[in-house]
């Protein structure tokens, strides 16, 4: 159906529990559809816990998932929200995931809205971790109430500056 309509689906979001229980089937299905990326899109409160240690354990697990995914010719990625930027001492979960996942095995789908809402400038992330952000989720933030989305280009996020750094970020796809 995608081919018949000139469409592609470069990535798929797959919950953590499905990666844990059915990774071979996830890989097989992704290859059939033509996905390039298998993306972990969300962590429940229970999965993310309340410490950096939980993110360290997740990084190890992501590296483990990523090896057979890479061996199949695909790539694993992680999609953020704002909770990954909560500080636990001097670190946040996102820092841990970027630092402790293998750069050759785990990419990131940076949700620009959530990163900005959490007080982070995507340009700083690109400078600190060049090439890691192969996908972007593009959403704008209302200029008055940061909890609301806005029409892209009418909100508070400076997309012109962000897109100017697409190459440095490693961006291949944006959604």
N, C-alpha and C. Protein backbone atom coordinates (compact mmCIF):
# COMPACT_ATOMS: atom_id res chain seq x y z
N UNK A 1 0.83 -1.20 0.00
CA UNK A 1 0.00 0.00 0.00
C UNK A 1 0.87 1.26 0.00
N UNK A 2 1.94 1.25 0.80
CA UNK A 2 2.85 2.39 0.79
C UNK A 2 3.45 2.59 -0.60
N UNK A 3 3.98 1.52 -1.17
CA UNK A 3 4.59 1.60 -2.49
C UNK A 3 3.60 2.09 -3.54
N UNK A 4 2.38 1.57 -3.49
CA UNK A 4 1.36 1.93 -4.47
C UNK A 4 1.00 3.41 -4.42
N UNK A 5 1.25 4.03 -3.29
CA UNK A 5 0.91 5.44 -3.12
C UNK A 5 2.13 6.35 -3.06
N UNK A 6 3.30 5.81 -3.41
CA UNK A 6 4.51 6.60 -3.42
C UNK A 6 4.94 7.09 -2.05
N UNK A 7 4.64 6.29 -1.02
CA UNK A 7 4.95 6.68 0.36
C UNK A 7 6.03 5.77 0.94
N UNK A 8 6.66 6.26 1.99
CA UNK A 8 7.63 5.46 2.73
C UNK A 8 7.39 5.68 4.21
N UNK A 9 7.75 4.70 5.00
CA UNK A 9 7.67 4.79 6.45
C UNK A 9 9.06 4.47 7.00
N UNK A 10 9.91 5.49 7.13
CA UNK A 10 11.30 5.21 7.51
C UNK A 10 11.49 4.69 8.92
N UNK A 11 10.49 4.87 9.78
CA UNK A 11 10.66 4.41 11.16
C UNK A 11 9.35 3.89 11.73
N UNK A 12 9.51 3.15 12.81
CA UNK A 12 8.36 2.63 13.54
C UNK A 12 8.63 2.82 15.03
N UNK A 13 7.61 3.20 15.77
CA UNK A 13 7.70 3.30 17.22
C UNK A 13 7.27 1.97 17.82
N UNK A 14 8.12 1.43 18.69
CA UNK A 14 7.86 0.13 19.30
C UNK A 14 8.05 0.25 20.82
N UNK A 15 7.02 -0.10 21.60
CA UNK A 15 7.12 0.00 23.06
C UNK A 15 8.22 -0.91 23.64
N UNK A 16 8.75 -0.52 24.78
CA UNK A 16 9.81 -1.26 25.43
C UNK A 16 9.42 -2.71 25.69
N UNK A 17 8.20 -2.92 26.16
CA UNK A 17 7.80 -4.30 26.46
C UNK A 17 7.77 -5.18 25.21
N UNK A 18 7.50 -4.59 24.05
CA UNK A 18 7.51 -5.36 22.79
C UNK A 18 8.95 -5.62 22.35
N UNK A 19 9.83 -4.64 22.50
CA UNK A 19 11.25 -4.89 22.21
C UNK A 19 11.77 -6.03 23.07
N UNK A 20 11.36 -6.06 24.33
CA UNK A 20 11.81 -7.12 25.25
C UNK A 20 11.25 -8.49 24.89
N UNK A 21 10.01 -8.53 24.46
CA UNK A 21 9.34 -9.82 24.29
C UNK A 21 9.31 -10.35 22.86
N UNK A 22 9.51 -9.48 21.87
CA UNK A 22 9.31 -9.93 20.48
C UNK A 22 10.28 -9.27 19.50
N UNK A 23 11.52 -9.04 19.91
CA UNK A 23 12.47 -8.34 19.05
C UNK A 23 12.66 -9.01 17.68
N UNK A 24 12.80 -10.32 17.59
CA UNK A 24 12.96 -10.93 16.26
C UNK A 24 11.77 -10.63 15.33
N UNK A 25 10.56 -10.65 15.86
CA UNK A 25 9.38 -10.34 15.05
C UNK A 25 9.34 -8.86 14.67
N UNK A 26 9.74 -7.99 15.59
CA UNK A 26 9.79 -6.55 15.30
C UNK A 26 10.74 -6.30 14.14
N UNK A 27 11.90 -6.93 14.18
CA UNK A 27 12.89 -6.77 13.11
C UNK A 27 12.33 -7.28 11.78
N UNK A 28 11.72 -8.45 11.82
CA UNK A 28 11.15 -9.04 10.60
C UNK A 28 10.08 -8.12 10.02
N UNK A 29 9.18 -7.63 10.87
CA UNK A 29 8.11 -6.75 10.40
C UNK A 29 8.67 -5.44 9.83
N UNK A 30 9.68 -4.89 10.50
CA UNK A 30 10.29 -3.63 10.03
C UNK A 30 10.90 -3.80 8.65
N UNK A 31 11.52 -4.93 8.41
CA UNK A 31 12.12 -5.18 7.10
C UNK A 31 11.05 -5.32 6.02
N UNK A 32 9.93 -5.96 6.35
CA UNK A 32 8.84 -6.12 5.39
C UNK A 32 8.28 -4.76 4.98
N UNK A 33 8.06 -3.89 5.95
CA UNK A 33 7.49 -2.57 5.69
C UNK A 33 8.49 -1.65 5.01
N UNK A 34 9.77 -1.87 5.27
CA UNK A 34 10.80 -1.01 4.70
C UNK A 34 11.28 0.07 5.64
N UNK A 35 11.07 -0.13 6.94
CA UNK A 35 11.58 0.82 7.93
C UNK A 35 13.10 0.77 7.95
N UNK A 36 13.72 1.90 8.25
CA UNK A 36 15.15 1.96 8.50
C UNK A 36 15.44 1.96 10.00
N UNK A 37 14.50 2.51 10.76
CA UNK A 37 14.69 2.72 12.18
C UNK A 37 13.59 2.05 13.00
N UNK A 38 14.00 1.46 14.11
CA UNK A 38 13.08 0.98 15.14
C UNK A 38 13.30 1.91 16.33
N UNK A 39 12.23 2.59 16.76
CA UNK A 39 12.36 3.66 17.74
C UNK A 39 11.61 3.31 19.02
N UNK A 40 12.31 3.43 20.15
CA UNK A 40 11.65 3.34 21.45
C UNK A 40 11.05 4.71 21.73
N UNK A 41 9.70 4.81 21.76
CA UNK A 41 9.06 6.12 21.78
C UNK A 41 8.68 6.68 23.15
N UNK A 42 8.72 5.85 24.18
CA UNK A 42 8.13 6.30 25.44
C UNK A 42 8.54 5.36 26.54
N UNK A 43 8.68 5.90 27.74
CA UNK A 43 8.89 5.08 28.93
C UNK A 43 7.80 5.43 29.93
N UNK A 44 7.16 4.42 30.47
CA UNK A 44 6.19 4.66 31.53
C UNK A 44 6.94 5.12 32.78
N UNK A 45 6.21 5.66 33.75
CA UNK A 45 6.85 6.08 35.00
C UNK A 45 7.58 4.92 35.65
N UNK A 46 6.98 3.75 35.61
CA UNK A 46 7.60 2.56 36.20
C UNK A 46 8.89 2.20 35.46
N UNK A 47 8.89 2.30 34.14
CA UNK A 47 10.08 1.95 33.35
C UNK A 47 11.22 2.94 33.55
N UNK A 48 10.89 4.22 33.70
CA UNK A 48 11.96 5.21 33.85
C UNK A 48 12.41 5.39 35.28
N UNK A 49 11.57 5.04 36.24
CA UNK A 49 11.95 5.11 37.64
C UNK A 49 12.25 6.52 38.10
N UNK A 50 13.04 6.62 39.14
CA UNK A 50 13.30 7.94 39.74
C UNK A 50 14.77 8.15 40.05
N UNK A 51 15.65 7.58 39.20
CA UNK A 51 17.07 7.77 39.42
C UNK A 51 17.84 7.60 38.12
N UNK A 52 19.06 8.09 38.12
CA UNK A 52 19.96 7.93 36.98
C UNK A 52 20.26 6.46 36.74
N UNK A 53 20.27 5.67 37.80
CA UNK A 53 20.58 4.25 37.67
C UNK A 53 19.61 3.54 36.72
N UNK A 54 18.35 3.93 36.74
CA UNK A 54 17.38 3.32 35.83
C UNK A 54 17.74 3.62 34.37
N UNK A 55 18.22 4.84 34.10
CA UNK A 55 18.63 5.18 32.73
C UNK A 55 19.91 4.45 32.35
N UNK A 56 20.79 4.22 33.31
CA UNK A 56 22.01 3.44 33.03
C UNK A 56 21.65 2.01 32.64
N UNK A 57 20.71 1.43 33.34
CA UNK A 57 20.25 0.08 33.01
C UNK A 57 19.58 0.06 31.63
N UNK A 58 18.80 1.12 31.35
CA UNK A 58 18.15 1.21 30.04
C UNK A 58 19.19 1.33 28.93
N UNK A 59 20.24 2.10 29.15
CA UNK A 59 21.29 2.25 28.13
C UNK A 59 21.90 0.89 27.79
N UNK A 60 22.17 0.09 28.81
CA UNK A 60 22.71 -1.26 28.58
C UNK A 60 21.72 -2.08 27.77
N UNK A 61 20.45 -1.99 28.14
CA UNK A 61 19.42 -2.74 27.42
C UNK A 61 19.29 -2.28 25.97
N UNK A 62 19.34 -0.97 25.75
CA UNK A 62 19.26 -0.44 24.38
C UNK A 62 20.43 -0.93 23.54
N UNK A 63 21.63 -0.92 24.09
CA UNK A 63 22.78 -1.44 23.36
C UNK A 63 22.57 -2.91 22.99
N UNK A 64 21.94 -3.67 23.90
CA UNK A 64 21.65 -5.08 23.63
C UNK A 64 20.63 -5.26 22.51
N UNK A 65 19.57 -4.45 22.52
CA UNK A 65 18.59 -4.52 21.43
C UNK A 65 19.23 -4.11 20.10
N UNK A 66 20.10 -3.12 20.17
CA UNK A 66 20.63 -2.50 18.96
C UNK A 66 21.51 -3.43 18.14
N UNK A 67 22.20 -4.34 18.80
CA UNK A 67 23.12 -5.23 18.06
C UNK A 67 22.38 -6.08 17.04
N UNK A 68 21.35 -6.86 17.41
CA UNK A 68 20.65 -7.64 16.38
C UNK A 68 19.90 -6.75 15.38
N UNK A 69 19.46 -5.58 15.82
CA UNK A 69 18.81 -4.65 14.89
C UNK A 69 19.81 -4.19 13.83
N UNK A 70 21.01 -3.84 14.26
CA UNK A 70 22.07 -3.42 13.33
C UNK A 70 22.47 -4.57 12.42
N UNK A 71 22.59 -5.77 12.99
CA UNK A 71 22.95 -6.95 12.20
C UNK A 71 21.93 -7.22 11.10
N UNK A 72 20.68 -6.79 11.31
CA UNK A 72 19.62 -6.97 10.32
C UNK A 72 19.58 -5.82 9.31
N UNK A 73 20.50 -4.88 9.43
CA UNK A 73 20.56 -3.76 8.48
C UNK A 73 19.67 -2.59 8.87
N UNK A 74 19.22 -2.56 10.12
CA UNK A 74 18.35 -1.50 10.62
C UNK A 74 19.08 -0.73 11.72
N UNK A 75 18.42 0.29 12.26
CA UNK A 75 19.02 1.11 13.30
C UNK A 75 18.03 1.33 14.43
N UNK A 76 18.49 1.26 15.67
CA UNK A 76 17.67 1.56 16.83
C UNK A 76 17.79 3.04 17.15
N UNK A 77 16.70 3.64 17.60
CA UNK A 77 16.73 5.04 18.05
C UNK A 77 15.82 5.20 19.26
N UNK A 78 16.02 6.32 19.95
CA UNK A 78 15.23 6.64 21.13
C UNK A 78 14.58 8.01 20.93
N UNK A 79 13.28 8.09 21.21
CA UNK A 79 12.50 9.34 21.11
C UNK A 79 12.25 9.89 22.51
N UNK A 80 12.58 11.16 22.70
CA UNK A 80 12.44 11.78 24.01
C UNK A 80 11.11 12.48 24.23
N UNK A 81 10.84 12.73 25.50
CA UNK A 81 9.80 13.65 25.95
C UNK A 81 10.50 14.62 26.90
N UNK A 82 9.82 15.21 27.84
CA UNK A 82 10.51 16.13 28.75
C UNK A 82 11.06 15.43 29.99
N UNK A 83 10.51 14.29 30.36
CA UNK A 83 10.91 13.64 31.61
C UNK A 83 12.36 13.18 31.59
N UNK A 84 12.93 12.94 30.41
CA UNK A 84 14.33 12.51 30.34
C UNK A 84 15.29 13.62 30.79
N UNK A 85 14.79 14.86 30.82
CA UNK A 85 15.64 16.00 31.18
C UNK A 85 15.55 16.36 32.67
N UNK A 86 14.79 15.59 33.44
CA UNK A 86 14.73 15.81 34.89
C UNK A 86 16.10 15.49 35.47
N UNK A 87 16.60 16.40 36.29
CA UNK A 87 17.93 16.24 36.90
C UNK A 87 17.87 15.34 38.13
N UNK A 88 18.84 14.46 38.21
CA UNK A 88 19.09 13.63 39.38
C UNK A 88 20.51 13.97 39.80
N UNK A 89 20.64 14.91 40.70
CA UNK A 89 21.97 15.43 41.02
C UNK A 89 22.46 16.28 39.86
N UNK A 90 23.61 15.93 39.30
CA UNK A 90 24.16 16.73 38.20
C UNK A 90 23.92 16.11 36.83
N UNK A 91 23.13 15.03 36.77
CA UNK A 91 22.84 14.36 35.50
C UNK A 91 21.35 14.23 35.28
N UNK A 92 21.00 14.12 34.02
CA UNK A 92 19.61 13.78 33.68
C UNK A 92 19.64 12.49 32.87
N UNK A 93 18.49 11.86 32.75
CA UNK A 93 18.40 10.61 32.02
C UNK A 93 18.86 10.71 30.58
N UNK A 94 18.55 11.83 29.93
CA UNK A 94 18.95 12.01 28.53
C UNK A 94 20.47 12.03 28.39
N UNK A 95 21.14 12.72 29.31
CA UNK A 95 22.61 12.73 29.30
C UNK A 95 23.16 11.31 29.40
N UNK A 96 22.57 10.53 30.28
CA UNK A 96 23.02 9.16 30.48
C UNK A 96 22.82 8.35 29.20
N UNK A 97 21.64 8.46 28.59
CA UNK A 97 21.38 7.70 27.37
C UNK A 97 22.34 8.08 26.24
N UNK A 98 22.60 9.38 26.09
CA UNK A 98 23.53 9.83 25.06
C UNK A 98 24.96 9.35 25.34
N UNK A 99 25.34 9.36 26.59
CA UNK A 99 26.71 9.00 26.97
C UNK A 99 26.94 7.49 26.96
N UNK A 100 25.95 6.73 27.41
CA UNK A 100 26.18 5.31 27.66
C UNK A 100 25.62 4.36 26.60
N UNK A 101 24.99 4.91 25.58
CA UNK A 101 24.62 4.05 24.45
C UNK A 101 25.72 4.17 23.40
N UNK A 102 25.91 3.09 22.67
CA UNK A 102 26.95 3.02 21.65
C UNK A 102 26.56 3.91 20.46
N UNK A 103 27.40 4.87 20.12
CA UNK A 103 27.11 5.80 19.03
C UNK A 103 26.89 5.10 17.69
N UNK A 104 27.49 3.94 17.53
CA UNK A 104 27.33 3.20 16.28
C UNK A 104 26.05 2.39 16.24
N UNK A 105 25.43 2.20 17.41
CA UNK A 105 24.26 1.33 17.49
C UNK A 105 22.96 2.05 17.81
N UNK A 106 23.01 3.16 18.53
CA UNK A 106 21.79 3.82 19.00
C UNK A 106 21.78 5.29 18.55
N UNK A 107 20.75 5.64 17.79
CA UNK A 107 20.52 7.02 17.37
C UNK A 107 19.40 7.61 18.21
N UNK A 108 19.09 8.87 17.94
CA UNK A 108 18.04 9.56 18.69
C UNK A 108 17.10 10.28 17.74
N UNK A 109 15.80 10.16 18.03
CA UNK A 109 14.78 10.96 17.37
C UNK A 109 14.46 12.09 18.34
N UNK A 110 15.04 13.25 18.08
CA UNK A 110 14.89 14.38 18.99
C UNK A 110 13.54 15.04 18.78
N UNK A 111 12.72 15.01 19.81
CA UNK A 111 11.46 15.75 19.78
C UNK A 111 11.80 17.18 20.19
N UNK A 112 11.80 18.05 19.20
CA UNK A 112 12.24 19.43 19.42
C UNK A 112 11.37 20.15 20.44
N UNK A 113 10.07 19.95 20.36
CA UNK A 113 9.15 20.61 21.30
C UNK A 113 9.47 20.21 22.74
N UNK A 114 9.58 18.90 22.99
CA UNK A 114 9.81 18.45 24.36
C UNK A 114 11.16 18.90 24.89
N UNK A 115 12.17 18.90 24.03
CA UNK A 115 13.49 19.36 24.47
C UNK A 115 13.44 20.84 24.86
N UNK A 116 12.83 21.66 24.01
CA UNK A 116 12.72 23.09 24.30
C UNK A 116 11.86 23.32 25.53
N UNK A 117 10.75 22.61 25.62
CA UNK A 117 9.86 22.77 26.77
C UNK A 117 10.60 22.44 28.08
N UNK A 118 11.53 21.50 28.02
CA UNK A 118 12.30 21.13 29.21
C UNK A 118 13.45 22.10 29.47
N UNK A 119 13.58 23.12 28.62
CA UNK A 119 14.59 24.15 28.85
C UNK A 119 15.91 23.92 28.15
N UNK A 120 15.92 23.08 27.11
CA UNK A 120 17.16 22.77 26.40
C UNK A 120 17.12 23.32 24.98
N UNK A 121 18.24 23.83 24.53
CA UNK A 121 18.38 24.33 23.18
C UNK A 121 18.89 23.19 22.29
N UNK A 122 18.14 22.79 21.28
CA UNK A 122 18.60 21.71 20.41
C UNK A 122 19.99 21.97 19.82
N UNK A 123 20.32 23.23 19.56
CA UNK A 123 21.63 23.54 18.98
C UNK A 123 22.76 23.13 19.93
N UNK A 124 22.54 23.29 21.23
CA UNK A 124 23.54 22.85 22.21
C UNK A 124 23.70 21.33 22.19
N UNK A 125 22.57 20.63 22.04
CA UNK A 125 22.63 19.17 21.96
C UNK A 125 23.39 18.74 20.70
N UNK A 126 23.17 19.42 19.58
CA UNK A 126 23.87 19.08 18.33
C UNK A 126 25.37 19.28 18.48
N UNK A 127 25.76 20.36 19.14
CA UNK A 127 27.19 20.63 19.33
C UNK A 127 27.84 19.60 20.24
N UNK A 128 27.13 19.24 21.28
CA UNK A 128 27.68 18.31 22.26
C UNK A 128 27.69 16.86 21.76
N UNK A 129 26.71 16.52 20.91
CA UNK A 129 26.55 15.14 20.42
C UNK A 129 26.33 15.14 18.91
N UNK A 130 27.32 15.59 18.13
CA UNK A 130 27.12 15.68 16.68
C UNK A 130 26.82 14.33 16.05
N UNK A 131 25.88 14.36 15.13
CA UNK A 131 25.53 13.16 14.37
C UNK A 131 24.60 12.19 15.06
N UNK A 132 24.21 12.42 16.29
CA UNK A 132 23.39 11.45 17.04
C UNK A 132 21.90 11.58 16.75
N UNK A 133 21.46 12.70 16.19
CA UNK A 133 20.03 13.00 16.07
C UNK A 133 19.58 12.82 14.62
N UNK A 134 19.44 11.57 14.22
CA UNK A 134 19.14 11.26 12.82
C UNK A 134 17.68 11.53 12.45
N UNK A 135 16.85 11.68 13.45
CA UNK A 135 15.44 12.01 13.19
C UNK A 135 15.01 13.12 14.15
N UNK A 136 14.10 13.94 13.66
CA UNK A 136 13.52 14.99 14.49
C UNK A 136 12.01 14.88 14.45
N UNK A 137 11.38 15.10 15.59
CA UNK A 137 9.94 15.27 15.66
C UNK A 137 9.73 16.77 15.77
N UNK A 138 9.14 17.35 14.74
CA UNK A 138 9.01 18.81 14.63
C UNK A 138 7.62 19.24 15.07
N UNK A 139 7.59 19.92 16.22
CA UNK A 139 6.35 20.50 16.74
C UNK A 139 6.73 21.86 17.31
N UNK A 140 5.83 22.82 17.20
CA UNK A 140 6.11 24.16 17.71
C UNK A 140 5.41 24.37 19.05
N UNK A 141 5.89 25.33 19.80
CA UNK A 141 5.37 25.63 21.13
C UNK A 141 4.72 27.01 21.13
N UNK A 142 3.55 27.08 21.74
CA UNK A 142 2.84 28.35 21.87
C UNK A 142 3.75 29.38 22.55
N UNK A 143 3.68 30.62 22.10
CA UNK A 143 4.52 31.69 22.65
C UNK A 143 4.13 32.09 24.07
N UNK A 144 2.88 31.87 24.44
CA UNK A 144 2.40 32.27 25.76
C UNK A 144 2.37 31.10 26.73
N UNK A 145 1.78 29.99 26.31
CA UNK A 145 1.64 28.82 27.18
C UNK A 145 2.47 27.68 26.59
N UNK A 146 3.62 27.40 27.20
CA UNK A 146 4.52 26.38 26.66
C UNK A 146 3.94 24.97 26.69
N UNK A 147 2.84 24.78 27.39
CA UNK A 147 2.19 23.47 27.41
C UNK A 147 1.33 23.23 26.18
N UNK A 148 1.15 24.24 25.36
CA UNK A 148 0.35 24.11 24.15
C UNK A 148 1.25 24.06 22.93
N UNK A 149 0.81 23.31 21.95
CA UNK A 149 1.47 23.33 20.65
C UNK A 149 0.96 24.53 19.86
N UNK A 150 1.72 24.89 18.86
CA UNK A 150 1.35 25.98 17.95
C UNK A 150 1.60 25.51 16.53
N UNK A 151 0.97 26.17 15.59
CA UNK A 151 1.24 25.90 14.18
C UNK A 151 2.73 26.13 13.94
N UNK A 152 3.37 25.20 13.24
CA UNK A 152 4.81 25.30 13.01
C UNK A 152 5.13 26.62 12.31
N UNK A 153 6.08 27.34 12.91
CA UNK A 153 6.48 28.64 12.38
C UNK A 153 5.78 29.81 13.04
N UNK A 154 4.71 29.53 13.79
CA UNK A 154 3.96 30.59 14.46
C UNK A 154 4.25 30.61 15.96
N UNK A 155 5.03 29.66 16.43
CA UNK A 155 5.28 29.53 17.86
C UNK A 155 6.63 30.07 18.29
N UNK A 156 7.13 29.55 19.39
CA UNK A 156 8.32 30.08 20.05
C UNK A 156 9.62 29.41 19.62
N UNK A 157 9.58 28.32 18.89
CA UNK A 157 10.79 27.59 18.53
C UNK A 157 11.39 28.17 17.25
N UNK A 158 12.69 28.41 17.27
CA UNK A 158 13.41 29.00 16.13
C UNK A 158 13.85 27.89 15.18
N UNK A 159 12.93 27.47 14.31
CA UNK A 159 13.23 26.37 13.40
C UNK A 159 14.27 26.73 12.35
N UNK A 160 14.34 27.99 11.97
CA UNK A 160 15.33 28.40 10.98
C UNK A 160 16.74 28.09 11.48
N UNK A 161 17.01 28.45 12.72
CA UNK A 161 18.33 28.18 13.31
C UNK A 161 18.56 26.68 13.47
N UNK A 162 17.53 25.95 13.87
CA UNK A 162 17.66 24.51 14.08
C UNK A 162 17.92 23.80 12.75
N UNK A 163 17.12 24.09 11.73
CA UNK A 163 17.30 23.44 10.43
C UNK A 163 18.64 23.81 9.78
N UNK A 164 19.18 24.97 10.12
CA UNK A 164 20.50 25.36 9.60
C UNK A 164 21.59 24.41 10.12
N UNK A 165 21.31 23.71 11.21
CA UNK A 165 22.28 22.78 11.79
C UNK A 165 21.90 21.32 11.57
N UNK A 166 21.05 21.07 10.58
CA UNK A 166 20.60 19.70 10.31
C UNK A 166 21.77 18.76 10.04
N UNK A 167 22.73 19.19 9.27
CA UNK A 167 23.86 18.33 8.94
C UNK A 167 24.66 17.99 10.20
N UNK A 168 24.93 18.98 11.02
CA UNK A 168 25.70 18.74 12.26
C UNK A 168 24.97 17.77 13.18
N UNK A 169 23.64 17.83 13.18
CA UNK A 169 22.87 16.95 14.06
C UNK A 169 22.84 15.52 13.57
N UNK A 170 23.04 15.34 12.26
CA UNK A 170 22.93 14.02 11.65
C UNK A 170 21.56 13.73 11.09
N UNK A 171 20.69 14.73 11.06
CA UNK A 171 19.29 14.52 10.67
C UNK A 171 19.16 13.91 9.28
N UNK A 172 18.41 12.83 9.21
CA UNK A 172 18.09 12.14 7.96
C UNK A 172 16.59 12.28 7.62
N UNK A 173 15.77 12.34 8.66
CA UNK A 173 14.32 12.42 8.50
C UNK A 173 13.75 13.35 9.55
N UNK A 174 12.69 14.09 9.17
CA UNK A 174 11.95 14.84 10.18
C UNK A 174 10.47 14.57 9.98
N UNK A 175 9.78 14.56 11.09
CA UNK A 175 8.36 14.24 11.11
C UNK A 175 7.62 15.37 11.80
